[in-house]
Each structure stands twice: as structure tokens, then as C-alpha cells.
C-alpha atoms as a PDB file:
ATOM      1  CA  UNK A   1     300.702  25.009 134.625  1.00  0.00           C
ATOM      2  CA  UNK A   2     298.551  27.968 135.677  1.00  0.00           C
ATOM      3  CA  UNK A   3     294.984  28.811 134.813  1.00  0.00           C
ATOM      4  CA  UNK A   4     296.136  31.478 132.342  1.00  0.00           C
ATOM      5  CA  UNK A   5     298.621  29.265 130.469  1.00  0.00           C
ATOM      6  CA  UNK A   6     298.044  29.668 126.719  1.00  0.00           C
ATOM      7  CA  UNK A   7     295.309  32.311 127.129  1.00  0.00           C
ATOM      8  CA  UNK A   8     295.217  35.693 125.402  1.00  0.00           C
ATOM      9  CA  UNK A   9     294.550  38.803 127.478  1.00  0.00           C
ATOM     10  CA  UNK A  10     292.974  42.140 126.634  1.00  0.00           C
ATOM     11  CA  UNK A  11     294.075  44.739 129.187  1.00  0.00           C
ATOM     12  CA  UNK A  12     292.336  48.097 129.519  1.00  0.00           C
ATOM     13  CA  UNK A  13     294.241  50.397 131.834  1.00  0.00           C
ATOM     14  CA  UNK A  14     293.110  53.748 133.152  1.00  0.00           C
ATOM     15  CA  UNK A  15     295.222  56.893 133.147  1.00  0.00           C
ATOM     16  CA  UNK A  16     294.438  57.880 136.766  1.00  0.00           C
ATOM     17  CA  UNK A  17     294.291  54.292 138.005  1.00  0.00           C
ATOM     18  CA  UNK A  18     296.317  51.273 136.927  1.00  0.00           C
ATOM     19  CA  UNK A  19     297.918  51.739 133.484  1.00  0.00           C
ATOM     20  CA  UNK A  20     298.189  48.907 130.990  1.00  0.00           C
ATOM     21  CA  UNK A  21     302.003  48.508 131.257  1.00  0.00           C
ATOM     22  CA  UNK A  22     301.641  47.879 135.008  1.00  0.00           C
ATOM     23  CA  UNK A  23     299.084  45.140 134.350  1.00  0.00           C
ATOM     24  CA  UNK A  24     301.323  43.624 131.671  1.00  0.00           C
ATOM     25  CA  UNK A  25     304.128  43.417 134.232  1.00  0.00           C
ATOM     26  CA  UNK A  26     301.831  41.569 136.657  1.00  0.00           C
ATOM     27  CA  UNK A  27     300.899  38.969 134.028  1.00  0.00           C
ATOM     28  CA  UNK A  28     304.423  38.647 132.576  1.00  0.00           C
ATOM     29  CA  UNK A  29     305.144  35.260 134.200  1.00  0.00           C
ATOM     30  CA  UNK A  30     301.599  33.873 134.042  1.00  0.00           C
ATOM     31  CA  UNK A  31     302.044  32.064 130.720  1.00  0.00           C
ATOM     32  CA  UNK A  32     299.360  34.243 129.112  1.00  0.00           C
ATOM     33  CA  UNK A  33     299.904  36.390 126.029  1.00  0.00           C
ATOM     34  CA  UNK A  34     298.844  40.043 126.055  1.00  0.00           C
ATOM     35  CA  UNK A  35     296.951  40.347 122.770  1.00  0.00           C
ATOM     36  CA  UNK A  36     296.037  44.005 123.348  1.00  0.00           C
ATOM     37  CA  UNK A  37     296.875  46.541 126.008  1.00  0.00           C
ATOM     38  CA  UNK A  38     295.851  50.179 126.152  1.00  0.00           C
ATOM     39  CA  UNK A  39     295.717  52.961 128.691  1.00  0.00           C
ATOM     40  CA  UNK A  40     292.742  55.261 128.263  1.00  0.00           C
ATOM     41  CA  UNK A  41     291.137  58.167 130.091  1.00  0.00           C
ATOM     42  CA  UNK A  42     287.618  57.208 131.163  1.00  0.00           C
ATOM     43  CA  UNK A  43     285.918  60.482 132.036  1.00  0.00           C
END
């Protein structure tokens, strides 16, 4: 059981950096649930 097991994640990706779908893929097998994920442009 990992530290993220049963946790909910809020992922804020950046258009020119790491987008949200890439972060979701990283956490896919962590046992955590992605409650919200968005890719925005922070200018």
C-alpha cells in the first residue's frame, strides 16, 4: 500500500510544461484517484 492509496488528486498542468494527461499517466498505478485534472496556460 502506497502513500497515495485512497487519496484524491487535483492536477494542474501547464500548456508549455507538463500537461495534465501526462501527470495522470504517472499517477495511474499509485492507487490515487484523479478528482480533477486540467491543462492551462499560465502567462
